[in-house]
Amino acid sequence: MTEVRKLDKDKQIDQHPNPKQTHAGPSHPDDFYQQVLSSFEKEAYTEETIKDNQQAWQHFEEPDRQVAQAPLINDFPDYFFAGFWIRLFAFVIDLSVIHSITAITIGSVYRLSGLSIGTHPFGLYQLVSLAIYLAYFVLLTKYNHGQTVGKMIFGIRVISFREAQLSWQTVLIRELCGRYVLQFYWLFYVGYLPTIFSKNKQHAADYFADTSVVTINLIKAFNKHADVHQEV
């Protein structure tokens, strides 16, 4: 009799499910990617789209990885983009590295030669320092797959919304022209502020180059959980 009552009770529960369970979102422990994509204002991803995006995001996780087809590289959830503060901290580290390079190179020459640095914005020392500053960002961004020293430390990477690999055109627009304009006069630093409130966390140079910065660990997390989801 006890077993019969228990079966009847279970049957009633099945017929009248808990409203919280009915309206709850994905309950699978490996549906992490669904939580990440919840901030993406489009239709839910299909299995095919998830597979395509996963392949593309593996490319950003492992830059030397070759993809078999053109990836949907511009289809990132908002959650993936690196925010203002982490990018600022990475930038501060980069400035420290640049200062050290400048002091070791042109700074040493001036000290050993007893030359005066001067304060003219277009003096030799200032122009060489500017060249080092711009070359640092251009060369590392291009040849280190979108990462400077600061970005490597904080696990973030520059990506293009139109290209699988950052082209010279994109890098020169963002890192040469964009950074030169943004640092030319201190008031121009307001060009970095759109990173705070823009959907894709883009500053002024990003808008012109059609780029942004993503967090690599989130890409790794998505790929790992998407693999588990596809195996289930």
Foldseek 3Di string as FASTA:
>chain_A
DVVVVVVVVVVVCVVPPDPCVVPDDDPPPLVVVVVQCPQPPDDDDDLVLLVLQLQLLVCLLPVVDDGPDDGQQLRGHLSFFDFLPLVVQLVVVLVVVLVVVLCVPVVVVCVVVVHDPDDDCPDPSNVVSVVSQLCQQLVCCQPVVADHPSCVVQQKGKDASVDSHQDSVLSCQQRPVVVCQCPVDVVSVCQQVVLHPDSNSDGNSCVVSRMGMGHSVVSVSSSVSSVVVVVD
